Protein backbone atom coordinates (compact mmCIF):
# COMPACT_ATOMS: atom_id res chain seq x y z
CA MET A 1 -167.75 150.60 111.43
CA ALA A 2 -167.89 153.41 108.93
CA SER A 3 -170.92 155.62 108.71
CA VAL A 4 -171.95 158.37 106.33
CA LYS A 5 -174.22 161.27 107.25
CA PHE A 6 -175.56 164.16 105.25
CA ILE A 7 -175.66 167.13 107.61
CA ALA A 8 -177.85 170.19 107.31
CA VAL A 9 -176.01 173.27 108.65
CA SER A 10 -176.79 176.94 109.04
CA ARG A 11 -173.31 178.25 108.19
CA GLY A 12 -172.67 179.84 104.82
CA LEU A 13 -170.24 178.25 102.39
CA LYS A 14 -167.29 180.29 103.68
CA GLY A 15 -168.18 179.47 107.28
CA ILE A 16 -168.31 175.73 106.75
CA LEU A 17 -165.09 175.69 104.72
CA ASP A 18 -163.35 177.62 107.51
CA TYR A 19 -164.68 175.13 110.04
CA VAL A 20 -163.59 171.93 108.29
CA THR A 21 -160.12 173.31 107.47
CA ASN A 22 -159.46 174.68 110.97
CA ARG A 23 -155.83 173.83 111.78
CA GLU A 24 -156.81 172.86 115.34
CA LYS A 25 -158.72 169.97 113.83
CA THR A 26 -156.60 168.98 110.83
CA VAL A 27 -153.34 169.65 108.95
CA ASP A 28 -152.53 170.72 105.40
CA SER A 29 -151.70 167.20 104.25
CA LEU A 30 -155.19 166.05 105.22
CA ILE A 31 -157.01 168.70 103.18
CA SER A 32 -157.60 167.97 99.48
CA GLY A 33 -159.64 169.29 96.62
CA VAL A 34 -161.42 166.98 94.18
CA ASN A 35 -162.02 168.72 90.82
CA CYS A 36 -160.76 171.90 92.48
CA VAL A 37 -157.77 173.27 94.41
CA ALA A 38 -158.31 173.12 98.17
CA GLU A 39 -156.91 176.62 98.81
CA THR A 40 -159.26 178.23 96.27
CA ALA A 41 -162.28 175.95 96.68
CA LEU A 42 -164.61 178.76 97.76
CA ASP A 43 -163.87 180.91 94.70
CA GLU A 44 -164.09 177.92 92.36
CA PHE A 45 -167.44 176.82 93.82
CA GLU A 46 -168.83 180.32 93.34
CA ALA A 47 -167.46 180.61 89.79
CA VAL A 48 -169.28 177.44 88.70
CA LYS A 49 -172.56 178.67 90.21
CA LYS A 50 -172.27 181.97 88.39
CA LEU A 51 -171.28 180.27 85.12
CA PHE A 52 -174.55 178.32 85.07
CA ASP A 53 -176.57 181.09 86.73
CA LYS A 54 -177.45 178.90 89.71
CA THR A 55 -176.51 181.03 92.69
CA ASP A 56 -179.82 180.55 94.48
CA GLY A 57 -181.03 177.67 96.60
CA ARG A 58 -178.80 175.04 98.19
CA ALA A 59 -175.16 176.11 97.83
CA TYR A 60 -173.45 172.93 99.00
CA TYR A 61 -173.84 169.60 100.80
CA HIS A 62 -171.94 168.60 103.92
CA ILE A 63 -171.12 164.89 104.26
CA VAL A 64 -169.38 163.32 107.26
CA GLN A 65 -167.76 159.91 106.90
CA SER A 66 -166.85 158.42 110.30
CA PHE A 67 -164.77 155.32 111.10
CA SER A 68 -164.81 152.93 114.03
CA PRO A 69 -162.14 153.61 116.69
CA ASP A 70 -161.61 149.83 116.78
CA ASP A 71 -160.40 149.70 113.17
CA PRO A 72 -156.64 149.78 112.47
CA LEU A 73 -156.70 153.07 110.59
CA ASP A 74 -154.29 155.99 110.31
CA PHE A 75 -155.17 159.54 109.29
CA GLU A 76 -153.57 159.30 105.87
CA THR A 77 -155.52 156.18 104.91
CA ALA A 78 -158.76 157.68 106.21
CA HIS A 79 -158.12 160.75 104.05
CA GLU A 80 -157.43 158.58 101.02
CA ILE A 81 -160.79 156.84 101.51
CA GLY A 82 -162.50 160.22 101.89
CA VAL A 83 -161.04 161.44 98.59
CA LYS A 84 -162.27 158.29 96.86
CA LEU A 85 -165.73 158.81 98.29
CA ALA A 86 -165.71 162.39 96.99
CA GLU A 87 -164.78 161.08 93.53
CA TYR A 88 -168.06 159.15 93.54
CA PHE A 89 -169.80 162.46 92.74
CA LYS A 90 -168.88 162.70 89.08
CA GLY A 91 -168.58 166.26 87.78
CA TYR A 92 -168.89 167.87 91.21
CA GLN A 93 -166.25 169.82 93.09
CA CYS A 94 -165.48 168.67 96.63
CA LEU A 95 -163.22 169.69 99.45
CA VAL A 96 -162.14 166.82 101.72
CA ALA A 97 -160.73 167.38 105.21
CA THR A 98 -159.83 164.67 107.73
CA HIS A 99 -160.23 165.65 111.37
CA MET A 100 -157.83 164.39 114.01
CA ASN A 101 -159.27 165.97 117.15
CA THR A 102 -161.81 163.34 118.25
CA ALA A 103 -161.69 159.74 119.46
CA HIS A 104 -162.85 158.50 116.08
CA ILE A 105 -161.29 159.55 112.79
CA HIS A 106 -163.72 161.20 110.39
CA ASN A 107 -163.78 162.98 107.05
CA HIS A 108 -165.70 166.12 106.14
CA ILE A 109 -166.67 166.38 102.48
CA ILE A 110 -168.08 169.68 101.22
CA LEU A 111 -169.82 169.15 97.88
CA ASN A 112 -170.63 172.02 95.52
CA SER A 113 -174.30 171.70 94.61
CA VAL A 114 -173.71 172.59 90.92
CA ASN A 115 -172.04 170.19 88.47
CA PHE A 116 -169.15 171.96 86.73
CA GLU A 117 -169.58 169.85 83.57
CA ASN A 118 -173.28 170.28 82.83
CA GLY A 119 -174.64 172.75 85.37
CA LYS A 120 -177.06 170.27 86.94
CA LYS A 121 -177.78 170.65 90.63
CA TYR A 122 -177.25 167.73 92.97
CA HIS A 123 -180.42 166.48 94.68
CA GLN A 124 -180.16 164.69 97.99
CA SER A 125 -182.82 162.00 97.61
CA ALA A 126 -183.21 159.07 100.01
CA ARG A 127 -182.15 156.69 97.23
CA GLU A 128 -179.03 158.72 96.46
CA MET A 129 -178.03 158.84 100.13
CA GLN A 130 -178.43 155.07 100.33
CA MET A 131 -176.18 154.61 97.30
CA VAL A 132 -173.51 156.86 98.83
CA LYS A 133 -173.56 154.84 102.07
CA GLU A 134 -173.27 151.58 100.16
CA TYR A 135 -170.31 152.92 98.18
CA SER A 136 -168.63 154.03 101.43
CA ASN A 137 -169.11 150.51 102.79
CA GLN A 138 -167.58 149.09 99.62
CA LEU A 139 -164.51 151.29 100.03
CA CYS A 140 -164.10 150.30 103.67
CA MET A 141 -164.27 146.60 102.80
CA GLU A 142 -161.57 147.12 100.19
CA TYR A 143 -159.36 148.59 102.92
CA GLY A 144 -160.16 145.82 105.40
CA LEU A 145 -162.28 148.05 107.63
CA SER A 146 -165.53 147.11 109.31
CA VAL A 147 -168.85 148.12 107.79
CA THR A 148 -172.44 148.03 108.88
CA GLU A 149 -175.81 147.98 107.23
CA ALA A 150 -177.05 151.37 106.16
CA LYS A 151 -180.39 150.45 107.79
CA ALA A 152 -181.20 147.22 109.59
CA ASP A 153 -184.52 145.70 108.54
CA ARG A 154 -185.97 142.63 110.26
CA LYS A 155 -188.10 141.91 107.18
CA ARG A 156 -185.16 141.76 104.78
CA ILE A 157 -182.22 140.15 106.51
CA PRO A 158 -179.08 139.85 104.31
CA LYS A 159 -177.28 136.54 103.86
CA TRP A 160 -174.23 137.58 105.88
CA LYS A 161 -176.45 138.28 108.88
CA LYS A 162 -178.26 134.96 108.52
CA ASP A 163 -174.87 133.25 108.39
CA LEU A 164 -173.78 135.14 111.50
CA ARG A 165 -176.86 134.03 113.42
CA PHE A 166 -176.26 130.42 112.40
CA VAL A 167 -172.61 130.54 113.52
CA ILE A 168 -173.50 132.10 116.89
CA ARG A 169 -176.04 129.36 117.54
CA GLU A 170 -173.56 126.66 116.55
CA ALA A 171 -171.01 128.10 118.97
CA MET A 172 -173.58 128.28 121.77
CA GLU A 173 -174.42 124.60 121.32
CA GLN A 174 -170.75 123.65 121.65
CA THR A 175 -169.50 125.83 124.51
CA ARG A 176 -170.04 125.96 128.26
CA THR A 177 -168.82 129.43 129.15
CA LEU A 178 -168.70 132.90 127.70
CA GLU A 179 -164.93 132.60 127.37
CA GLU A 180 -165.24 129.34 125.41
CA PHE A 181 -167.88 130.92 123.19
CA ILE A 182 -165.66 133.88 122.29
CA GLU A 183 -162.66 131.61 121.66
CA THR A 184 -164.74 129.41 119.36
CA MET A 185 -166.12 132.38 117.42
CA ASN A 186 -162.60 133.78 117.05
CA ALA A 187 -161.35 130.42 115.78
CA TRP A 188 -164.06 130.51 113.11
CA GLY A 189 -162.98 133.97 112.00
CA TYR A 190 -165.55 136.08 113.86
CA GLY A 191 -164.72 138.94 116.19
CA VAL A 192 -166.73 139.28 119.40
CA LYS A 193 -166.70 142.46 121.50
CA TRP A 194 -168.41 141.54 124.77
CA GLU A 195 -167.23 143.98 127.41
CA PRO A 196 -168.42 144.75 130.94
CA GLY A 197 -170.59 147.82 131.16
CA GLN A 198 -171.54 147.70 127.49
CA LYS A 199 -175.19 147.26 126.56
CA TYR A 200 -174.61 145.23 123.41
CA ILE A 201 -172.42 142.49 121.99
CA THR A 202 -170.75 143.54 118.74
CA TYR A 203 -169.78 140.91 116.17
CA THR A 204 -167.45 141.32 113.21
CA THR A 205 -167.71 138.79 110.39
CA PRO A 206 -164.78 137.50 108.30
CA GLU A 207 -166.01 139.87 105.56
CA ASN A 208 -165.75 142.79 108.05
CA PHE A 209 -169.47 143.33 108.45
CA ARG A 210 -170.15 144.56 111.96
CA CYS A 211 -173.40 143.94 113.81
CA ARG A 212 -174.78 144.42 117.32
CA ASP A 213 -176.78 141.65 118.96
CA ASN A 214 -179.99 143.70 118.90
CA LYS A 215 -179.72 144.05 115.10
CA LEU A 216 -179.75 140.27 114.64
CA PHE A 217 -183.49 140.33 115.39
CA ASP A 218 -183.28 137.13 117.43
CA ASP A 219 -184.25 137.24 121.12
CA THR A 220 -182.18 134.15 121.93
CA LEU A 221 -179.04 136.01 120.85
CA LEU A 222 -179.57 139.12 122.98
CA ARG A 223 -176.73 139.80 125.41
CA GLU A 224 -178.74 139.39 128.62
CA ASN A 225 -180.28 136.11 127.48
CA MET A 226 -176.95 134.67 126.38
CA GLU A 227 -175.38 135.65 129.70
CA HIS A 228 -178.10 133.71 131.56
CA TYR A 229 -177.49 130.72 129.28
CA PHE A 230 -173.76 130.61 130.00
CA GLU A 231 -174.29 131.25 133.72
CA MET A 232 -176.31 128.03 133.73
CA GLY A 233 -173.53 126.09 132.02
CA GLY A 234 -174.15 126.69 128.33
CA CYS A 235 -174.15 123.48 126.32
CA ASP A 236 -174.15 121.38 129.52
CA TYR A 237 -177.40 123.03 130.54
CA LEU A 238 -178.81 122.40 127.07
CA GLU A 239 -177.83 118.73 127.22
CA ASP A 240 -179.48 118.39 130.64
CA ARG A 241 -182.71 119.74 129.19
CA ARG A 242 -182.48 117.36 126.26
CA TYR A 243 -181.99 114.40 128.60
CA TYR A 244 -185.67 114.68 129.49
CA ASP A 245 -186.86 115.94 126.13
CA PRO A 246 -184.64 115.38 123.05
CA GLU A 247 -186.76 117.86 121.11
CA VAL A 248 -185.70 120.83 123.26
CA SER A 249 -184.10 123.50 121.07
CA LEU A 250 -181.58 126.17 121.94
CA ASP A 251 -184.46 128.66 121.87
CA ASP A 252 -186.43 126.52 124.32
CA ALA A 253 -183.49 126.34 126.73
CA VAL A 254 -182.75 130.04 126.65
CA SER A 255 -186.37 131.16 126.89
CA GLY A 256 -186.91 128.65 129.70
CA ILE A 257 -184.16 130.00 131.92
CA CYS A 258 -185.16 133.60 131.17
CA SER A 259 -188.76 132.79 132.09
CA ILE A 260 -187.61 131.29 135.38
CA LEU A 261 -185.56 134.37 136.24
CA ASP A 262 -188.40 136.69 135.26
CA ALA A 263 -190.75 134.76 137.53
CA LEU A 264 -188.25 134.87 140.39
CA ALA A 265 -187.81 138.59 139.99
CA ILE A 266 -191.52 139.33 140.36
CA GLY A 267 -192.43 136.49 142.74
CA ASP A 268 -194.60 134.65 140.22
CA ASN A 269 -194.30 131.23 141.86
CA ASP A 270 -197.01 129.62 139.73
CA ARG A 271 -195.19 130.38 136.51
CA PHE A 272 -191.90 129.36 138.08
CA HIS A 273 -193.39 126.02 139.06
CA LEU A 274 -194.58 125.33 135.53
CA GLU A 275 -191.19 126.19 134.05
CA THR A 276 -189.13 124.09 136.47
CA VAL A 277 -190.61 120.67 135.88
CA HIS A 278 -187.69 118.23 135.49
CA HIS A 279 -185.03 120.76 136.48
CA SER A 280 -182.22 119.26 138.54
CA ASP A 281 -180.97 120.26 141.98
CA ALA A 282 -177.77 121.56 140.37
CA GLU A 283 -179.78 123.95 138.23
CA ILE A 284 -181.74 125.22 141.21
CA GLU A 285 -178.49 125.75 143.12
CA LYS A 286 -177.14 127.78 140.21
CA LEU A 287 -180.23 129.95 140.28
CA LEU A 288 -179.79 130.56 143.97
CA ALA A 289 -176.09 131.36 143.48
CA MET A 290 -177.05 134.00 140.92
CA GLY A 291 -178.56 136.01 143.75
CA HIS A 292 -182.24 135.25 143.27
CA LYS A 293 -184.47 134.40 146.22
CA LEU A 294 -186.96 131.55 146.26
CA GLU A 295 -189.84 131.88 148.68
CA HIS A 296 -192.83 129.60 148.95
CA ALA A 297 -192.19 128.01 145.56
CA GLN A 298 -192.97 124.30 145.14
CA TYR A 299 -191.35 121.99 142.58
CA MET A 300 -192.90 118.75 141.43
CA VAL A 301 -192.40 116.14 138.73
CA ASP A 302 -194.71 113.50 137.33
CA ASP A 303 -192.77 110.62 138.84
CA ASP A 304 -191.09 111.84 142.01
CA GLU A 305 -189.74 108.41 142.91
CA GLU A 306 -187.98 108.01 139.57
CA TYR A 307 -186.52 111.52 139.84
CA GLU A 308 -185.25 110.83 143.36
CA GLN A 309 -183.50 107.68 142.17
CA GLN A 310 -181.72 109.63 139.44
CA HIS A 311 -180.85 112.77 141.40
CA GLY A 312 -180.74 111.68 145.05
CA PHE A 313 -183.65 113.80 146.25
CA GLY A 314 -187.29 114.35 145.49
CA MET A 315 -188.65 117.44 143.76
CA THR A 316 -191.67 117.83 146.04
CA MET A 317 -190.17 120.37 148.43
CA MET A 318 -190.69 123.81 149.80
CA TRP A 319 -188.10 126.60 149.80
């Protein structure tokens, strides 16, 4: 996903221009001037400041545009996008340099603070920064690259994220395993990055919006909770729950199993007992297989005889 940051630095204008054009980080073909010549950018910046008698205060702005290492992107295309982002600042001189020395490709844009057309100084307001980030996202979408929200807000969830949540839930209700879930999401045009050792699941929508599970603002869709759900059999587990209560929702099923595991982890047998009414022997066996210990926990149902007829054993038992 692309990101845009405005960076405050202590270097002078010459120092920062030397840094971003360092040939250990970039090459000549990935250094461009917008409304100026790259090789003489420093002198041209200073000439505009003197022309409008605005040599005091903020001399420049430093913007870094970074791209996801997962995106199919070469240095030349990244540089082209950086130049287009610099052109967003109408009437301002910019130097654009694309760095090649890190795992993720990124552009440095050095913006002269004084407009060469009218002498106005650029002001870095929160609203302006937001507009720049949105324009960067727009450019990335045009190039088929992933984008992310400038700032996730649980109170104002965009339509694409609501659609993503709906699709994830639909896939969960139709699949038994994590592998089936990912295959189904892929078939519907959604990318799923669910890797061992990673804290989050990352989804990519058909429109190239990228979102982590914790930014969906839905506890049911958190990685740990979904892993528990699929360990219990996914949609088969959900159907088992609905056999006894057709009104059970996906949220009920996921929160139920998580509550059981939480109780097991801390030895809260009373809470475990309440949560396991009508759970089958197969479900209990799965819990045990997941490495959790049951000690002195008792399971009961309202009609033990009926349960025993259906499942072959009674639920009044001690572990």
